[in-house]
Amino acid sequence: MLSKKAKYGLKALLFLADQPGDRTVLIADIAARERISKKFLDMILLEMRNAGILSSRKGKGGGYALALPPERIRMAR
């Protein structure tokens, strides 16, 4: 059984993997689309960024994107 944190993290990863190229996505857009609390999602995405799974940009055109190609991301038990 997965925790809510793991489920939401996977939902966010799948959403980002579905984006074209190097497009960044705002946390608010992911949260609204996947029905996840923005505050909770922010914490999850920050952890994934610190782990090197995601990249982020600030300012206009900013947001989160995958730091690796989707096929290189693996989930450990």
N, C-alpha and C. Protein backbone atom coordinates (compact mmCIF):
# COMPACT_ATOMS: atom_id res chain seq x y z
N MET A 1 0.84 -1.18 0.00
CA MET A 1 0.00 0.00 0.00
C MET A 1 0.89 1.24 0.00
N LEU A 2 0.57 2.20 -0.82
CA LEU A 2 1.34 3.44 -0.93
C LEU A 2 0.76 4.52 -0.02
N SER A 3 1.64 5.35 0.51
CA SER A 3 1.19 6.49 1.30
C SER A 3 0.62 7.55 0.36
N LYS A 4 -0.10 8.52 0.94
CA LYS A 4 -0.65 9.61 0.12
C LYS A 4 0.49 10.38 -0.54
N LYS A 5 1.56 10.56 0.19
CA LYS A 5 2.71 11.28 -0.34
C LYS A 5 3.26 10.57 -1.58
N ALA A 6 3.39 9.25 -1.52
CA ALA A 6 3.89 8.48 -2.66
C ALA A 6 2.90 8.53 -3.83
N LYS A 7 1.62 8.38 -3.55
CA LYS A 7 0.60 8.44 -4.61
C LYS A 7 0.61 9.79 -5.32
N TYR A 8 0.64 10.86 -4.54
CA TYR A 8 0.63 12.20 -5.12
C TYR A 8 1.92 12.47 -5.88
N GLY A 9 3.04 11.98 -5.36
CA GLY A 9 4.31 12.13 -6.06
C GLY A 9 4.27 11.42 -7.41
N LEU A 10 3.72 10.22 -7.45
CA LEU A 10 3.61 9.48 -8.71
C LEU A 10 2.67 10.19 -9.68
N LYS A 11 1.55 10.71 -9.17
CA LYS A 11 0.62 11.45 -10.04
C LYS A 11 1.32 12.65 -10.67
N ALA A 12 2.09 13.37 -9.85
CA ALA A 12 2.80 14.54 -10.37
C ALA A 12 3.84 14.14 -11.40
N LEU A 13 4.58 13.06 -11.14
CA LEU A 13 5.58 12.58 -12.10
C LEU A 13 4.93 12.18 -13.42
N LEU A 14 3.82 11.49 -13.36
CA LEU A 14 3.13 11.08 -14.58
C LEU A 14 2.63 12.30 -15.35
N PHE A 15 2.12 13.28 -14.63
CA PHE A 15 1.66 14.52 -15.27
C PHE A 15 2.82 15.21 -15.97
N LEU A 16 3.95 15.34 -15.28
CA LEU A 16 5.12 16.01 -15.86
C LEU A 16 5.71 15.21 -17.03
N ALA A 17 5.66 13.89 -16.93
CA ALA A 17 6.19 13.05 -18.01
C ALA A 17 5.36 13.19 -19.28
N ASP A 18 4.11 13.59 -19.13
CA ASP A 18 3.21 13.74 -20.27
C ASP A 18 3.36 15.10 -20.96
N GLN A 19 4.18 15.98 -20.40
CA GLN A 19 4.37 17.31 -20.97
C GLN A 19 5.38 17.24 -22.12
N PRO A 20 5.18 18.05 -23.14
CA PRO A 20 6.10 18.04 -24.28
C PRO A 20 7.45 18.66 -23.94
N GLY A 21 8.52 18.00 -24.35
CA GLY A 21 9.87 18.52 -24.24
C GLY A 21 10.27 18.97 -22.86
N ASP A 22 10.86 20.15 -22.78
CA ASP A 22 11.40 20.69 -21.53
C ASP A 22 10.44 21.69 -20.90
N ARG A 23 9.15 21.55 -21.16
CA ARG A 23 8.14 22.50 -20.68
C ARG A 23 8.02 22.43 -19.16
N THR A 24 8.03 23.60 -18.53
CA THR A 24 7.83 23.65 -17.08
C THR A 24 6.35 23.83 -16.79
N VAL A 25 5.94 23.35 -15.62
CA VAL A 25 4.53 23.41 -15.22
C VAL A 25 4.46 24.01 -13.82
N LEU A 26 3.53 24.90 -13.61
CA LEU A 26 3.33 25.50 -12.29
C LEU A 26 2.73 24.48 -11.32
N ILE A 27 3.12 24.60 -10.06
CA ILE A 27 2.57 23.72 -9.03
C ILE A 27 1.04 23.83 -8.99
N ALA A 28 0.54 25.05 -9.12
CA ALA A 28 -0.91 25.27 -9.07
C ALA A 28 -1.63 24.50 -10.17
N ASP A 29 -1.02 24.40 -11.36
CA ASP A 29 -1.64 23.66 -12.46
C ASP A 29 -1.67 22.16 -12.17
N ILE A 30 -0.58 21.63 -11.63
CA ILE A 30 -0.54 20.20 -11.29
C ILE A 30 -1.55 19.92 -10.18
N ALA A 31 -1.54 20.76 -9.15
CA ALA A 31 -2.44 20.56 -8.00
C ALA A 31 -3.90 20.58 -8.44
N ALA A 32 -4.27 21.54 -9.30
CA ALA A 32 -5.66 21.63 -9.75
C ALA A 32 -6.03 20.42 -10.61
N ARG A 33 -5.16 20.05 -11.51
CA ARG A 33 -5.46 18.94 -12.43
C ARG A 33 -5.55 17.60 -11.70
N GLU A 34 -4.66 17.39 -10.74
CA GLU A 34 -4.62 16.11 -10.03
C GLU A 34 -5.38 16.12 -8.70
N ARG A 35 -5.97 17.27 -8.38
CA ARG A 35 -6.75 17.43 -7.14
C ARG A 35 -5.91 17.10 -5.91
N ILE A 36 -4.79 17.80 -5.81
CA ILE A 36 -3.85 17.63 -4.70
C ILE A 36 -3.70 18.99 -4.03
N SER A 37 -3.58 19.00 -2.71
CA SER A 37 -3.34 20.24 -1.99
C SER A 37 -2.04 20.86 -2.50
N LYS A 38 -2.10 22.14 -2.87
CA LYS A 38 -0.93 22.83 -3.40
C LYS A 38 0.21 22.85 -2.39
N LYS A 39 -0.11 23.08 -1.14
CA LYS A 39 0.91 23.14 -0.09
C LYS A 39 1.60 21.77 0.08
N PHE A 40 0.82 20.70 0.09
CA PHE A 40 1.37 19.35 0.23
C PHE A 40 2.19 18.99 -1.00
N LEU A 41 1.69 19.33 -2.17
CA LEU A 41 2.40 19.05 -3.42
C LEU A 41 3.72 19.81 -3.48
N ASP A 42 3.73 21.04 -3.01
CA ASP A 42 4.95 21.84 -2.99
C ASP A 42 6.05 21.11 -2.20
N MET A 43 5.68 20.56 -1.06
CA MET A 43 6.63 19.82 -0.23
C MET A 43 7.16 18.58 -0.96
N ILE A 44 6.28 17.86 -1.63
CA ILE A 44 6.66 16.64 -2.35
C ILE A 44 7.59 16.97 -3.52
N LEU A 45 7.24 17.99 -4.30
CA LEU A 45 8.05 18.35 -5.47
C LEU A 45 9.42 18.88 -5.04
N LEU A 46 9.49 19.57 -3.94
CA LEU A 46 10.76 20.06 -3.43
C LEU A 46 11.68 18.88 -3.09
N GLU A 47 11.13 17.86 -2.45
CA GLU A 47 11.91 16.65 -2.14
C GLU A 47 12.43 15.99 -3.41
N MET A 48 11.58 15.90 -4.43
CA MET A 48 11.99 15.28 -5.69
C MET A 48 13.03 16.13 -6.42
N ARG A 49 12.92 17.44 -6.28
CA ARG A 49 13.93 18.32 -6.88
C ARG A 49 15.28 18.12 -6.18
N ASN A 50 15.26 18.05 -4.86
CA ASN A 50 16.49 17.84 -4.09
C ASN A 50 17.11 16.48 -4.38
N ALA A 51 16.29 15.50 -4.78
CA ALA A 51 16.79 14.16 -5.12
C ALA A 51 17.28 14.08 -6.57
N GLY A 52 17.11 15.18 -7.34
CA GLY A 52 17.59 15.21 -8.71
C GLY A 52 16.62 14.65 -9.73
N ILE A 53 15.38 14.39 -9.32
CA ILE A 53 14.37 13.85 -10.23
C ILE A 53 13.72 14.97 -11.03
N LEU A 54 13.54 16.13 -10.38
CA LEU A 54 12.91 17.28 -11.02
C LEU A 54 13.87 18.45 -11.09
N SER A 55 13.59 19.34 -12.02
CA SER A 55 14.29 20.62 -12.08
C SER A 55 13.24 21.70 -11.93
N SER A 56 13.68 22.89 -11.53
CA SER A 56 12.72 23.98 -11.38
C SER A 56 13.35 25.27 -11.88
N ARG A 57 12.46 26.17 -12.28
CA ARG A 57 12.87 27.51 -12.72
C ARG A 57 11.96 28.52 -12.05
N LYS A 58 12.54 29.65 -11.68
CA LYS A 58 11.76 30.73 -11.08
C LYS A 58 11.44 31.78 -12.13
N GLY A 59 10.46 32.59 -11.82
CA GLY A 59 10.13 33.71 -12.69
C GLY A 59 9.17 33.34 -13.82
N LYS A 60 9.10 34.25 -14.79
CA LYS A 60 8.20 34.03 -15.92
C LYS A 60 8.62 32.77 -16.68
N GLY A 61 7.68 31.91 -16.96
CA GLY A 61 7.99 30.65 -17.63
C GLY A 61 8.54 29.62 -16.68
N GLY A 62 8.48 29.91 -15.39
CA GLY A 62 9.02 29.00 -14.39
C GLY A 62 8.07 27.89 -14.03
N GLY A 63 8.54 27.01 -13.18
CA GLY A 63 7.76 25.88 -12.73
C GLY A 63 8.65 24.66 -12.60
N TYR A 64 8.06 23.50 -12.63
CA TYR A 64 8.78 22.24 -12.50
C TYR A 64 8.76 21.45 -13.80
N ALA A 65 9.83 20.68 -14.01
CA ALA A 65 9.93 19.77 -15.16
C ALA A 65 10.77 18.58 -14.71
N LEU A 66 10.70 17.50 -15.46
CA LEU A 66 11.54 16.34 -15.16
C LEU A 66 12.99 16.70 -15.44
N ALA A 67 13.89 16.29 -14.55
CA ALA A 67 15.32 16.54 -14.74
C ALA A 67 15.94 15.42 -15.57
N LEU A 68 15.24 14.30 -15.69
CA LEU A 68 15.72 13.14 -16.43
C LEU A 68 14.67 12.73 -17.45
N PRO A 69 15.07 12.02 -18.49
CA PRO A 69 14.05 11.47 -19.39
C PRO A 69 13.16 10.51 -18.61
N PRO A 70 11.87 10.46 -18.92
CA PRO A 70 10.95 9.59 -18.17
C PRO A 70 11.40 8.14 -18.06
N GLU A 71 12.01 7.62 -19.12
CA GLU A 71 12.43 6.21 -19.10
C GLU A 71 13.59 5.95 -18.15
N ARG A 72 14.25 6.99 -17.66
CA ARG A 72 15.38 6.81 -16.73
C ARG A 72 14.96 6.94 -15.27
N ILE A 73 13.71 7.28 -15.01
CA ILE A 73 13.24 7.43 -13.64
C ILE A 73 12.73 6.08 -13.14
N ARG A 74 13.26 5.64 -12.02
CA ARG A 74 12.89 4.36 -11.43
C ARG A 74 12.35 4.59 -10.01
N MET A 75 11.40 3.78 -9.64
CA MET A 75 10.85 3.83 -8.30
C MET A 75 11.41 2.66 -7.50
N ALA A 76 11.95 2.97 -6.34
CA ALA A 76 12.48 1.92 -5.46
C ALA A 76 11.41 1.52 -4.46
N ARG A 77 11.55 0.34 -3.94
CA ARG A 77 10.58 -0.12 -2.92
C ARG A 77 10.89 0.44 -1.59
